[in-house]
Amino acid sequence: MSDRYVVLAAIDFEAPSSLVFDRSVFATLQAKKGELHLLHVSEPVLPSGTYPGFIPPPQVSGLDPAPMVEFAQKRLTELRTAHPSMTFPEVQVHTAIGRPADEIVWLAAHLDADVIVMATHGRKGLKRLLLGSVAERVVRLAGCPVVIVREKGHDMTNKIPEIEPLCPDCASKRFETRGKELWCARHSEHHVRAHVVGYTSAIDSATPHAYDSSTGT
């Protein structure tokens, strides 16, 4: 089995591109014979204002590798400054014209890539419907694992409140009063209504009590 490990990073020059590059670099460094390839795909643009019934050839631009080279050199310089003791891999730059997802998958197959690293921009609604999701299509079509990188920004409204453990003072109060009182002096101030828990008229050791339960505070 070959030690060759190929990482293909899809760069679109939007905000997460630096994260994609950094993740790809460190993934390459973990292998003995790591290869790092960068790909930027430009979509052809049809010129506007054409005559009815006449479709001119699309305007082709974006094949110039200079912006990719400049981007890679800048990021490598920053990484070398942050990690002076590390030896970083060589970077090979590719450019292509076409549908981004198709070009990414094609180059990954051509290079026999072991992993694809790319970003997702989290489009929603009509914009996502019209533009589609490059990341989703790559995940479906690629013949290797796909690592999706995005900026960290959790929606804290999705956080579910955690159940706090039972206060030791409340537990002692329930034990001492055999469930007649549930809260310690500190927590009883926050409860407007009194809590009354009863099971039977007789209190004995066989009867379950509130302090035995696992209800919240």
N, C-alpha and C. Protein backbone atom coordinates (compact mmCIF):
# COMPACT_ATOMS: atom_id res chain seq x y z
N MET A 1 0.83 -1.19 0.00
CA MET A 1 0.00 0.00 0.00
C MET A 1 0.87 1.25 0.00
N SER A 2 0.60 2.20 -0.88
CA SER A 2 1.41 3.40 -1.01
C SER A 2 1.18 4.34 0.16
N ASP A 3 2.27 5.05 0.55
CA ASP A 3 2.17 6.04 1.60
C ASP A 3 1.69 7.38 1.06
N ARG A 4 1.51 7.48 -0.24
CA ARG A 4 1.09 8.73 -0.87
C ARG A 4 -0.30 9.12 -0.37
N TYR A 5 -0.42 10.35 0.08
CA TYR A 5 -1.69 10.84 0.62
C TYR A 5 -1.98 12.18 -0.04
N VAL A 6 -3.06 12.24 -0.82
CA VAL A 6 -3.37 13.41 -1.62
C VAL A 6 -4.54 14.17 -1.00
N VAL A 7 -4.33 15.45 -0.76
CA VAL A 7 -5.37 16.33 -0.23
C VAL A 7 -5.71 17.35 -1.30
N LEU A 8 -6.99 17.42 -1.65
CA LEU A 8 -7.47 18.39 -2.63
C LEU A 8 -8.31 19.44 -1.91
N ALA A 9 -7.89 20.70 -1.97
CA ALA A 9 -8.60 21.79 -1.32
C ALA A 9 -9.27 22.65 -2.37
N ALA A 10 -10.58 22.83 -2.24
CA ALA A 10 -11.33 23.68 -3.16
C ALA A 10 -11.38 25.09 -2.59
N ILE A 11 -10.82 26.04 -3.34
CA ILE A 11 -10.70 27.42 -2.88
C ILE A 11 -11.58 28.31 -3.74
N ASP A 12 -12.45 29.11 -3.12
CA ASP A 12 -13.31 30.02 -3.88
C ASP A 12 -13.07 31.48 -3.52
N PHE A 13 -12.05 31.74 -2.69
CA PHE A 13 -11.65 33.09 -2.29
C PHE A 13 -12.68 33.78 -1.41
N GLU A 14 -13.69 33.09 -0.94
CA GLU A 14 -14.61 33.69 0.02
C GLU A 14 -14.04 33.50 1.43
N ALA A 15 -14.78 33.99 2.42
CA ALA A 15 -14.24 34.08 3.78
C ALA A 15 -13.65 32.77 4.32
N PRO A 16 -14.30 31.61 4.17
CA PRO A 16 -13.74 30.40 4.77
C PRO A 16 -12.53 29.82 4.03
N SER A 17 -12.08 30.43 2.94
CA SER A 17 -10.99 29.85 2.16
C SER A 17 -9.71 29.68 2.97
N SER A 18 -9.43 30.63 3.86
CA SER A 18 -8.23 30.50 4.69
C SER A 18 -8.34 29.30 5.62
N LEU A 19 -9.53 29.06 6.16
CA LEU A 19 -9.72 27.89 7.01
C LEU A 19 -9.55 26.60 6.21
N VAL A 20 -10.07 26.59 4.99
CA VAL A 20 -9.92 25.42 4.13
C VAL A 20 -8.45 25.16 3.86
N PHE A 21 -7.71 26.20 3.55
CA PHE A 21 -6.28 26.05 3.26
C PHE A 21 -5.53 25.52 4.48
N ASP A 22 -5.77 26.12 5.64
CA ASP A 22 -5.07 25.70 6.85
C ASP A 22 -5.38 24.26 7.20
N ARG A 23 -6.67 23.89 7.13
CA ARG A 23 -7.04 22.51 7.44
C ARG A 23 -6.38 21.54 6.46
N SER A 24 -6.28 21.93 5.22
CA SER A 24 -5.67 21.07 4.21
C SER A 24 -4.17 20.91 4.45
N VAL A 25 -3.52 21.99 4.83
CA VAL A 25 -2.08 21.93 5.11
C VAL A 25 -1.78 20.96 6.24
N PHE A 26 -2.51 21.08 7.33
CA PHE A 26 -2.24 20.22 8.48
C PHE A 26 -2.65 18.78 8.22
N ALA A 27 -3.67 18.58 7.38
CA ALA A 27 -4.02 17.21 6.99
C ALA A 27 -2.90 16.59 6.16
N THR A 28 -2.26 17.39 5.31
CA THR A 28 -1.15 16.90 4.50
C THR A 28 0.05 16.54 5.35
N LEU A 29 0.31 17.35 6.38
CA LEU A 29 1.47 17.12 7.24
C LEU A 29 1.36 15.84 8.05
N GLN A 30 0.16 15.33 8.24
CA GLN A 30 -0.02 14.11 9.02
C GLN A 30 0.40 12.87 8.27
N ALA A 31 0.59 12.97 6.96
CA ALA A 31 0.97 11.82 6.15
C ALA A 31 2.47 11.85 5.84
N LYS A 32 3.05 10.67 5.58
CA LYS A 32 4.47 10.59 5.26
C LYS A 32 4.77 11.23 3.91
N LYS A 33 3.92 10.95 2.94
CA LYS A 33 4.11 11.49 1.59
C LYS A 33 2.87 12.27 1.19
N GLY A 34 2.62 13.34 1.91
CA GLY A 34 1.44 14.14 1.65
C GLY A 34 1.61 15.06 0.45
N GLU A 35 0.56 15.17 -0.34
CA GLU A 35 0.53 16.08 -1.48
C GLU A 35 -0.67 17.01 -1.30
N LEU A 36 -0.43 18.30 -1.46
CA LEU A 36 -1.50 19.28 -1.32
C LEU A 36 -1.77 19.94 -2.67
N HIS A 37 -3.01 19.84 -3.12
CA HIS A 37 -3.44 20.43 -4.38
C HIS A 37 -4.56 21.43 -4.10
N LEU A 38 -4.44 22.62 -4.69
CA LEU A 38 -5.49 23.63 -4.58
C LEU A 38 -6.21 23.74 -5.92
N LEU A 39 -7.51 23.89 -5.85
CA LEU A 39 -8.32 24.03 -7.07
C LEU A 39 -9.26 25.21 -6.93
N HIS A 40 -9.25 26.06 -7.96
CA HIS A 40 -10.24 27.14 -8.04
C HIS A 40 -11.00 26.97 -9.34
N VAL A 41 -12.33 26.94 -9.25
CA VAL A 41 -13.19 26.73 -10.41
C VAL A 41 -13.96 28.01 -10.71
N SER A 42 -13.89 28.46 -11.96
CA SER A 42 -14.66 29.62 -12.41
C SER A 42 -15.77 29.13 -13.32
N GLU A 43 -16.96 29.63 -13.10
CA GLU A 43 -18.08 29.27 -13.95
C GLU A 43 -18.14 30.20 -15.16
N PRO A 44 -18.38 29.67 -16.37
CA PRO A 44 -18.49 30.53 -17.56
C PRO A 44 -19.71 31.44 -17.45
N VAL A 45 -19.56 32.64 -17.95
CA VAL A 45 -20.63 33.64 -17.85
C VAL A 45 -21.08 34.01 -19.26
N LEU A 46 -22.38 33.91 -19.53
CA LEU A 46 -22.94 34.32 -20.82
C LEU A 46 -23.10 35.84 -20.84
N PRO A 47 -22.61 36.50 -21.87
CA PRO A 47 -22.74 37.96 -21.94
C PRO A 47 -24.20 38.37 -22.07
N SER A 48 -24.54 39.48 -21.46
CA SER A 48 -25.91 39.97 -21.52
C SER A 48 -26.10 40.84 -22.76
N GLY A 49 -27.37 41.10 -23.11
CA GLY A 49 -27.68 41.96 -24.23
C GLY A 49 -27.44 41.32 -25.58
N THR A 50 -27.67 40.01 -25.69
CA THR A 50 -27.45 39.32 -26.96
C THR A 50 -28.69 39.42 -27.84
N TYR A 51 -28.53 39.21 -29.14
CA TYR A 51 -29.65 39.22 -30.07
C TYR A 51 -30.51 37.99 -29.87
N PRO A 52 -31.84 38.11 -30.07
CA PRO A 52 -32.72 36.94 -29.94
C PRO A 52 -32.32 35.84 -30.94
N GLY A 53 -32.27 34.63 -30.46
CA GLY A 53 -31.93 33.50 -31.31
C GLY A 53 -30.44 33.31 -31.51
N PHE A 54 -29.62 34.20 -30.96
CA PHE A 54 -28.17 34.08 -31.11
C PHE A 54 -27.55 33.94 -29.74
N ILE A 55 -26.85 32.85 -29.52
CA ILE A 55 -26.19 32.61 -28.25
C ILE A 55 -24.69 32.67 -28.47
N PRO A 56 -24.01 33.71 -28.06
CA PRO A 56 -22.57 33.81 -28.26
C PRO A 56 -21.83 32.86 -27.32
N PRO A 57 -20.61 32.59 -27.62
CA PRO A 57 -19.83 31.73 -26.71
C PRO A 57 -19.66 32.40 -25.36
N PRO A 58 -19.62 31.61 -24.30
CA PRO A 58 -19.49 32.20 -22.96
C PRO A 58 -18.15 32.89 -22.78
N GLN A 59 -18.14 33.89 -21.92
CA GLN A 59 -16.90 34.58 -21.59
C GLN A 59 -16.11 33.72 -20.62
N VAL A 60 -14.91 33.36 -21.02
CA VAL A 60 -14.08 32.47 -20.22
C VAL A 60 -13.01 33.30 -19.53
N SER A 61 -13.02 33.26 -18.23
CA SER A 61 -11.99 33.92 -17.43
C SER A 61 -11.80 33.14 -16.15
N GLY A 62 -10.66 33.31 -15.54
CA GLY A 62 -10.40 32.61 -14.29
C GLY A 62 -9.38 31.52 -14.39
N LEU A 63 -8.79 31.31 -15.56
CA LEU A 63 -7.77 30.27 -15.72
C LEU A 63 -6.40 30.74 -15.28
N ASP A 64 -6.22 32.03 -15.06
CA ASP A 64 -4.94 32.56 -14.62
C ASP A 64 -4.63 32.06 -13.21
N PRO A 65 -3.54 31.32 -13.03
CA PRO A 65 -3.24 30.76 -11.70
C PRO A 65 -2.63 31.77 -10.75
N ALA A 66 -2.32 32.99 -11.22
CA ALA A 66 -1.62 33.96 -10.38
C ALA A 66 -2.35 34.26 -9.07
N PRO A 67 -3.68 34.51 -9.08
CA PRO A 67 -4.36 34.77 -7.79
C PRO A 67 -4.26 33.61 -6.81
N MET A 68 -4.31 32.37 -7.32
CA MET A 68 -4.19 31.21 -6.45
C MET A 68 -2.78 31.11 -5.87
N VAL A 69 -1.79 31.37 -6.69
CA VAL A 69 -0.40 31.32 -6.22
C VAL A 69 -0.17 32.38 -5.14
N GLU A 70 -0.69 33.57 -5.39
CA GLU A 70 -0.53 34.65 -4.41
C GLU A 70 -1.24 34.30 -3.10
N PHE A 71 -2.43 33.73 -3.20
CA PHE A 71 -3.18 33.34 -2.01
C PHE A 71 -2.40 32.29 -1.22
N ALA A 72 -1.89 31.26 -1.90
CA ALA A 72 -1.17 30.18 -1.21
C ALA A 72 0.11 30.69 -0.57
N GLN A 73 0.85 31.54 -1.27
CA GLN A 73 2.09 32.06 -0.72
C GLN A 73 1.83 32.90 0.53
N LYS A 74 0.78 33.70 0.49
CA LYS A 74 0.45 34.53 1.65
C LYS A 74 0.09 33.69 2.86
N ARG A 75 -0.75 32.67 2.64
CA ARG A 75 -1.17 31.83 3.76
C ARG A 75 0.01 31.02 4.30
N LEU A 76 0.88 30.53 3.42
CA LEU A 76 2.04 29.76 3.89
C LEU A 76 2.98 30.64 4.69
N THR A 77 3.15 31.88 4.29
CA THR A 77 3.99 32.81 5.04
C THR A 77 3.42 33.03 6.44
N GLU A 78 2.12 33.20 6.53
CA GLU A 78 1.49 33.39 7.83
C GLU A 78 1.61 32.15 8.71
N LEU A 79 1.47 30.97 8.11
CA LEU A 79 1.60 29.73 8.88
C LEU A 79 3.04 29.51 9.34
N ARG A 80 3.99 29.83 8.48
CA ARG A 80 5.40 29.68 8.88
C ARG A 80 5.75 30.63 10.01
N THR A 81 5.16 31.81 10.01
CA THR A 81 5.41 32.76 11.09
C THR A 81 4.80 32.26 12.39
N ALA A 82 3.61 31.67 12.31
CA ALA A 82 2.94 31.16 13.51
C ALA A 82 3.57 29.86 14.00
N HIS A 83 4.14 29.07 13.09
CA HIS A 83 4.73 27.77 13.45
C HIS A 83 6.12 27.66 12.84
N PRO A 84 7.11 28.37 13.37
CA PRO A 84 8.44 28.41 12.75
C PRO A 84 9.17 27.08 12.74
N SER A 85 8.81 26.15 13.62
CA SER A 85 9.53 24.88 13.68
C SER A 85 8.97 23.83 12.72
N MET A 86 7.89 24.11 12.03
CA MET A 86 7.25 23.13 11.16
C MET A 86 7.73 23.29 9.73
N THR A 87 7.78 22.16 9.02
CA THR A 87 8.13 22.14 7.61
C THR A 87 6.87 21.93 6.80
N PHE A 88 6.51 22.90 6.00
CA PHE A 88 5.25 22.85 5.28
C PHE A 88 5.41 22.24 3.89
N PRO A 89 4.36 21.63 3.37
CA PRO A 89 4.46 20.93 2.08
C PRO A 89 4.44 21.89 0.90
N GLU A 90 4.87 21.38 -0.24
CA GLU A 90 4.71 22.13 -1.47
C GLU A 90 3.25 22.13 -1.88
N VAL A 91 2.85 23.18 -2.55
CA VAL A 91 1.45 23.33 -2.96
C VAL A 91 1.37 23.37 -4.48
N GLN A 92 0.50 22.54 -5.04
CA GLN A 92 0.27 22.55 -6.47
C GLN A 92 -1.08 23.20 -6.74
N VAL A 93 -1.09 24.13 -7.70
CA VAL A 93 -2.26 24.95 -7.97
C VAL A 93 -2.91 24.52 -9.27
N HIS A 94 -4.26 24.41 -9.24
CA HIS A 94 -5.03 24.04 -10.44
C HIS A 94 -6.16 25.06 -10.61
N THR A 95 -6.49 25.36 -11.85
CA THR A 95 -7.65 26.19 -12.16
C THR A 95 -8.49 25.48 -13.21
N ALA A 96 -9.78 25.75 -13.20
CA ALA A 96 -10.67 25.08 -14.15
C ALA A 96 -11.86 25.98 -14.44
N ILE A 97 -12.50 25.72 -15.58
CA ILE A 97 -13.73 26.40 -15.98
C ILE A 97 -14.84 25.36 -16.05
N GLY A 98 -15.96 25.62 -15.41
CA GLY A 98 -17.09 24.70 -15.47
C GLY A 98 -17.92 24.75 -14.22
N ARG A 99 -18.72 23.72 -14.01
CA ARG A 99 -19.53 23.63 -12.79
C ARG A 99 -18.61 23.22 -11.64
N PRO A 100 -18.56 24.01 -10.58
CA PRO A 100 -17.60 23.75 -9.50
C PRO A 100 -17.63 22.32 -8.97
N ALA A 101 -18.81 21.81 -8.67
CA ALA A 101 -18.89 20.47 -8.09
C ALA A 101 -18.33 19.42 -9.03
N ASP A 102 -18.68 19.51 -10.31
CA ASP A 102 -18.22 18.52 -11.28
C ASP A 102 -16.71 18.59 -11.46
N GLU A 103 -16.16 19.80 -11.50
CA GLU A 103 -14.71 19.95 -11.67
C GLU A 103 -13.95 19.46 -10.46
N ILE A 104 -14.49 19.70 -9.27
CA ILE A 104 -13.83 19.22 -8.05
C ILE A 104 -13.79 17.70 -8.03
N VAL A 105 -14.92 17.09 -8.33
CA VAL A 105 -14.99 15.62 -8.32
C VAL A 105 -14.09 15.03 -9.40
N TRP A 106 -14.05 15.67 -10.59
CA TRP A 106 -13.21 15.15 -11.67
C TRP A 106 -11.74 15.21 -11.29
N LEU A 107 -11.28 16.34 -10.75
CA LEU A 107 -9.86 16.45 -10.40
C LEU A 107 -9.52 15.50 -9.25
N ALA A 108 -10.44 15.32 -8.31
CA ALA A 108 -10.18 14.37 -7.22
C ALA A 108 -9.96 12.97 -7.76
N ALA A 109 -10.77 12.58 -8.74
CA ALA A 109 -10.60 11.26 -9.35
C ALA A 109 -9.29 11.20 -10.14
N HIS A 110 -8.98 12.28 -10.86
CA HIS A 110 -7.76 12.32 -11.67
C HIS A 110 -6.51 12.21 -10.80
N LEU A 111 -6.53 12.85 -9.64
CA LEU A 111 -5.38 12.82 -8.74
C LEU A 111 -5.38 11.62 -7.82
N ASP A 112 -6.49 10.85 -7.83
CA ASP A 112 -6.69 9.77 -6.86
C ASP A 112 -6.60 10.33 -5.44
N ALA A 113 -7.33 11.41 -5.22
CA ALA A 113 -7.27 12.12 -3.93
C ALA A 113 -7.80 11.24 -2.81
N ASP A 114 -7.22 11.41 -1.65
CA ASP A 114 -7.66 10.68 -0.46
C ASP A 114 -8.71 11.45 0.32
N VAL A 115 -8.73 12.76 0.17
CA VAL A 115 -9.72 13.57 0.87
C VAL A 115 -9.89 14.90 0.12
N ILE A 116 -11.12 15.41 0.14
CA ILE A 116 -11.43 16.73 -0.40
C ILE A 116 -11.79 17.63 0.76
N VAL A 117 -11.20 18.82 0.79
CA VAL A 117 -11.50 19.80 1.83
C VAL A 117 -12.13 21.01 1.14
N MET A 118 -13.29 21.42 1.61
CA MET A 118 -13.97 22.55 1.00
C MET A 118 -14.86 23.24 2.02
N ALA A 119 -15.40 24.38 1.63
CA ALA A 119 -16.24 25.16 2.53
C ALA A 119 -17.69 25.04 2.11
N THR A 120 -18.57 25.38 3.04
CA THR A 120 -19.98 25.52 2.75
C THR A 120 -20.42 26.87 3.28
N HIS A 121 -21.32 27.53 2.55
CA HIS A 121 -21.69 28.89 2.90
C HIS A 121 -23.07 28.98 3.54
N GLY A 122 -23.73 27.84 3.73
CA GLY A 122 -24.99 27.82 4.46
C GLY A 122 -26.10 28.63 3.80
N ARG A 123 -26.19 28.56 2.47
CA ARG A 123 -27.29 29.28 1.81
C ARG A 123 -28.62 28.65 2.19
N LYS A 124 -29.66 29.49 2.26
CA LYS A 124 -30.98 29.01 2.62
C LYS A 124 -32.02 29.62 1.69
N GLY A 125 -33.19 29.03 1.71
CA GLY A 125 -34.32 29.59 0.99
C GLY A 125 -34.13 29.60 -0.51
N LEU A 126 -34.60 30.68 -1.15
CA LEU A 126 -34.60 30.79 -2.60
C LEU A 126 -33.18 30.80 -3.16
N LYS A 127 -32.26 31.44 -2.45
CA LYS A 127 -30.88 31.50 -2.94
C LYS A 127 -30.28 30.12 -3.03
N ARG A 128 -30.56 29.28 -2.05
CA ARG A 128 -30.04 27.90 -2.08
C ARG A 128 -30.71 27.11 -3.19
N LEU A 129 -32.02 27.36 -3.41
CA LEU A 129 -32.75 26.63 -4.45
C LEU A 129 -32.20 26.98 -5.83
N LEU A 130 -31.88 28.26 -6.06
CA LEU A 130 -31.42 28.69 -7.38
C LEU A 130 -29.95 28.32 -7.61
N LEU A 131 -29.12 28.52 -6.60
CA LEU A 131 -27.69 28.28 -6.77
C LEU A 131 -27.29 26.85 -6.45
N GLY A 132 -28.12 26.17 -5.69
CA GLY A 132 -27.77 24.81 -5.31
C GLY A 132 -26.66 24.81 -4.26
N SER A 133 -26.24 23.66 -3.89
CA SER A 133 -25.17 23.53 -2.91
C SER A 133 -24.05 22.71 -3.53
N VAL A 134 -22.91 23.39 -3.77
CA VAL A 134 -21.75 22.70 -4.32
C VAL A 134 -21.29 21.61 -3.37
N ALA A 135 -21.27 21.93 -2.07
CA ALA A 135 -20.79 20.95 -1.09
C ALA A 135 -21.65 19.69 -1.10
N GLU A 136 -22.97 19.85 -1.16
CA GLU A 136 -23.85 18.68 -1.16
C GLU A 136 -23.59 17.80 -2.38
N ARG A 137 -23.40 18.42 -3.54
CA ARG A 137 -23.19 17.64 -4.75
C ARG A 137 -21.83 16.92 -4.71
N VAL A 138 -20.83 17.59 -4.18
CA VAL A 138 -19.52 16.95 -4.07
C VAL A 138 -19.59 15.75 -3.13
N VAL A 139 -20.29 15.92 -2.01
CA VAL A 139 -20.42 14.81 -1.06
C VAL A 139 -21.10 13.61 -1.71
N ARG A 140 -22.11 13.88 -2.56
CA ARG A 140 -22.83 12.78 -3.21
C ARG A 140 -21.97 12.08 -4.27
N LEU A 141 -21.17 12.84 -5.00
CA LEU A 141 -20.49 12.29 -6.17
C LEU A 141 -19.05 11.87 -5.92
N ALA A 142 -18.41 12.41 -4.92
CA ALA A 142 -16.99 12.15 -4.71
C ALA A 142 -16.74 10.70 -4.32
N GLY A 143 -15.60 10.19 -4.77
CA GLY A 143 -15.21 8.82 -4.43
C GLY A 143 -14.27 8.75 -3.25
N CYS A 144 -14.22 9.81 -2.44
CA CYS A 144 -13.36 9.83 -1.26
C CYS A 144 -14.05 10.67 -0.18
N PRO A 145 -13.55 10.64 1.04
CA PRO A 145 -14.16 11.46 2.09
C PRO A 145 -14.09 12.94 1.76
N VAL A 146 -15.10 13.69 2.21
CA VAL A 146 -15.17 15.13 1.99
C VAL A 146 -15.27 15.81 3.36
N VAL A 147 -14.33 16.70 3.63
CA VAL A 147 -14.32 17.45 4.89
C VAL A 147 -14.89 18.84 4.62
N ILE A 148 -15.97 19.19 5.30
CA ILE A 148 -16.62 20.48 5.13
C ILE A 148 -16.15 21.42 6.23
N VAL A 149 -15.62 22.57 5.83
CA VAL A 149 -15.09 23.55 6.77
C VAL A 149 -15.97 24.79 6.73
N ARG A 150 -16.27 25.34 7.89
CA ARG A 150 -17.02 26.59 7.93
C ARG A 150 -16.63 27.35 9.19
N GLU A 151 -16.92 28.66 9.18
CA GLU A 151 -16.62 29.49 10.33
C GLU A 151 -17.42 29.01 11.54
N LYS A 152 -16.80 29.07 12.71
CA LYS A 152 -17.49 28.68 13.93
C LYS A 152 -18.43 29.79 14.36
N GLY A 153 -19.69 29.46 14.54
CA GLY A 153 -20.68 30.43 14.98
C GLY A 153 -21.96 29.73 15.37
N HIS A 154 -22.01 29.20 16.57
CA HIS A 154 -23.15 28.42 17.02
C HIS A 154 -24.37 29.32 17.27
N ASP A 155 -25.52 28.83 16.91
CA ASP A 155 -26.77 29.51 17.22
C ASP A 155 -27.18 29.11 18.63
N MET A 156 -26.98 30.01 19.58
CA MET A 156 -27.20 29.67 20.97
C MET A 156 -28.68 29.47 21.31
N THR A 157 -29.58 29.87 20.39
CA THR A 157 -30.99 29.62 20.64
C THR A 157 -31.32 28.13 20.54
N ASN A 158 -30.42 27.37 19.92
CA ASN A 158 -30.64 25.93 19.80
C ASN A 158 -30.14 25.15 21.01
N LYS A 159 -29.50 25.85 21.92
CA LYS A 159 -28.96 25.17 23.10
C LYS A 159 -30.09 24.78 24.04
N ILE A 160 -30.13 23.52 24.41
CA ILE A 160 -31.16 23.02 25.32
C ILE A 160 -30.68 23.22 26.76
N PRO A 161 -31.48 23.86 27.61
CA PRO A 161 -31.05 24.05 29.01
C PRO A 161 -30.79 22.71 29.69
N GLU A 162 -29.70 22.65 30.40
CA GLU A 162 -29.34 21.42 31.09
C GLU A 162 -30.03 21.37 32.45
N ILE A 163 -30.38 20.16 32.87
CA ILE A 163 -30.99 19.97 34.19
C ILE A 163 -29.88 20.05 35.24
N GLU A 164 -30.01 20.98 36.16
CA GLU A 164 -29.00 21.14 37.19
C GLU A 164 -29.12 20.03 38.22
N PRO A 165 -28.00 19.63 38.80
CA PRO A 165 -28.06 18.58 39.84
C PRO A 165 -28.77 19.09 41.09
N LEU A 166 -29.30 18.18 41.86
CA LEU A 166 -30.02 18.53 43.08
C LEU A 166 -29.09 19.19 44.08
N CYS A 167 -29.53 20.30 44.61
CA CYS A 167 -28.74 21.03 45.61
C CYS A 167 -28.52 20.14 46.84
N PRO A 168 -27.32 20.02 47.37
CA PRO A 168 -27.09 19.18 48.56
C PRO A 168 -27.92 19.62 49.76
N ASP A 169 -28.10 20.95 49.91
CA ASP A 169 -28.91 21.44 51.03
C ASP A 169 -30.37 21.04 50.86
N CYS A 170 -30.88 21.09 49.61
CA CYS A 170 -32.25 20.66 49.35
C CYS A 170 -32.41 19.17 49.63
N ALA A 171 -31.40 18.39 49.24
CA ALA A 171 -31.45 16.95 49.49
C ALA A 171 -31.48 16.66 50.99
N SER A 172 -30.68 17.40 51.75
CA SER A 172 -30.69 17.20 53.21
C SER A 172 -32.03 17.57 53.81
N LYS A 173 -32.61 18.69 53.31
CA LYS A 173 -33.91 19.11 53.82
C LYS A 173 -34.98 18.07 53.54
N ARG A 174 -34.97 17.47 52.37
CA ARG A 174 -35.96 16.45 52.02
C ARG A 174 -35.78 15.20 52.88
N PHE A 175 -34.52 14.87 53.17
CA PHE A 175 -34.26 13.69 53.99
C PHE A 175 -34.69 13.92 55.43
N GLU A 176 -34.35 15.10 55.95
CA GLU A 176 -34.66 15.41 57.35
C GLU A 176 -36.16 15.50 57.60
N THR A 177 -36.89 16.06 56.60
CA THR A 177 -38.34 16.24 56.79
C THR A 177 -39.14 15.13 56.16
N ARG A 178 -38.46 14.09 55.66
CA ARG A 178 -39.10 12.94 55.02
C ARG A 178 -40.06 13.40 53.90
N GLY A 179 -39.61 14.38 53.13
CA GLY A 179 -40.34 14.82 51.96
C GLY A 179 -41.38 15.88 52.21
N LYS A 180 -41.58 16.30 53.45
CA LYS A 180 -42.58 17.33 53.72
C LYS A 180 -42.12 18.69 53.20
N GLU A 181 -40.80 18.93 53.23
CA GLU A 181 -40.23 20.16 52.69
C GLU A 181 -39.22 19.78 51.61
N LEU A 182 -39.34 20.44 50.44
CA LEU A 182 -38.51 20.07 49.30
C LEU A 182 -37.30 20.96 49.10
N TRP A 183 -37.35 22.19 49.62
CA TRP A 183 -36.32 23.16 49.26
C TRP A 183 -35.60 23.69 50.50
N CYS A 184 -34.34 23.98 50.33
CA CYS A 184 -33.56 24.61 51.38
C CYS A 184 -33.97 26.08 51.50
N ALA A 185 -33.41 26.79 52.45
CA ALA A 185 -33.79 28.19 52.68
C ALA A 185 -33.48 29.05 51.45
N ARG A 186 -32.38 28.78 50.81
CA ARG A 186 -31.99 29.60 49.66
C ARG A 186 -32.91 29.40 48.48
N HIS A 187 -33.26 28.13 48.15
CA HIS A 187 -34.07 27.86 46.96
C HIS A 187 -35.56 28.06 47.21
N SER A 188 -35.98 28.03 48.46
CA SER A 188 -37.40 28.22 48.73
C SER A 188 -37.83 29.65 48.43
N GLU A 189 -36.90 30.58 48.38
CA GLU A 189 -37.23 31.97 48.09
C GLU A 189 -37.65 32.18 46.65
N HIS A 190 -37.28 31.25 45.75
CA HIS A 190 -37.57 31.40 44.33
C HIS A 190 -38.85 30.69 43.91
N HIS A 191 -39.57 30.07 44.85
CA HIS A 191 -40.79 29.35 44.52
C HIS A 191 -41.98 30.07 45.14
N VAL A 192 -42.82 30.60 44.30
CA VAL A 192 -43.98 31.35 44.78
C VAL A 192 -45.00 30.41 45.41
N ARG A 193 -45.26 29.29 44.76
CA ARG A 193 -46.24 28.34 45.27
C ARG A 193 -45.55 27.27 46.09
N ALA A 194 -46.20 26.88 47.16
CA ALA A 194 -45.65 25.80 47.98
C ALA A 194 -45.84 24.48 47.27
N HIS A 195 -44.89 23.59 47.44
CA HIS A 195 -44.95 22.26 46.82
C HIS A 195 -45.38 21.26 47.89
N VAL A 196 -46.47 20.59 47.66
CA VAL A 196 -46.95 19.59 48.60
C VAL A 196 -46.94 18.24 47.91
N VAL A 197 -46.22 17.32 48.46
CA VAL A 197 -46.13 15.98 47.89
C VAL A 197 -46.62 14.99 48.93
N GLY A 198 -47.60 14.17 48.58
CA GLY A 198 -48.09 13.18 49.51
C GLY A 198 -48.44 11.90 48.80
N TYR A 199 -48.23 10.76 49.44
CA TYR A 199 -48.51 9.47 48.83
C TYR A 199 -49.60 8.73 49.62
N THR A 200 -49.40 8.60 50.93
CA THR A 200 -50.39 7.92 51.78
C THR A 200 -50.50 8.72 53.08
N SER A 201 -51.52 8.37 53.85
CA SER A 201 -51.70 9.05 55.13
C SER A 201 -50.67 8.60 56.15
N ALA A 202 -50.15 7.42 55.96
CA ALA A 202 -49.16 6.89 56.90
C ALA A 202 -47.76 7.04 56.31
N ILE A 203 -46.83 7.50 57.08
CA ILE A 203 -45.45 7.66 56.66
C ILE A 203 -44.63 6.55 57.31
N ASP A 204 -44.12 5.68 56.50
CA ASP A 204 -43.25 4.65 57.04
C ASP A 204 -42.11 4.43 56.07
N SER A 205 -41.24 3.55 56.40
CA SER A 205 -40.03 3.32 55.60
C SER A 205 -40.34 2.72 54.25
N ALA A 206 -41.52 2.09 54.07
CA ALA A 206 -41.85 1.44 52.80
C ALA A 206 -42.48 2.39 51.81
N THR A 207 -42.82 3.60 52.27
CA THR A 207 -43.51 4.55 51.41
C THR A 207 -42.50 5.44 50.69
N PRO A 208 -42.63 5.60 49.38
CA PRO A 208 -41.69 6.47 48.67
C PRO A 208 -41.90 7.92 49.05
N HIS A 209 -40.85 8.68 49.06
CA HIS A 209 -40.92 10.09 49.44
C HIS A 209 -40.25 10.95 48.39
N ALA A 210 -40.50 12.24 48.50
CA ALA A 210 -39.98 13.15 47.49
C ALA A 210 -38.48 13.15 47.43
N TYR A 211 -37.82 13.00 48.56
CA TYR A 211 -36.36 13.06 48.54
C TYR A 211 -35.74 11.83 47.89
N ASP A 212 -36.56 10.77 47.70
CA ASP A 212 -36.06 9.59 47.02
C ASP A 212 -36.12 9.74 45.51
N SER A 213 -36.88 10.71 45.02
CA SER A 213 -37.09 10.82 43.60
C SER A 213 -35.96 11.58 42.94
N SER A 214 -35.97 11.57 41.59
CA SER A 214 -34.92 12.23 40.82
C SER A 214 -35.44 13.47 40.13
N THR A 215 -36.54 14.05 40.67
CA THR A 215 -37.09 15.25 40.04
C THR A 215 -36.13 16.41 40.21
N GLY A 216 -36.26 17.42 39.34
CA GLY A 216 -35.36 18.56 39.36
C GLY A 216 -35.56 19.43 40.56
N THR A 217 -34.77 20.49 40.61
CA THR A 217 -34.81 21.36 41.78
C THR A 217 -35.91 22.38 41.61
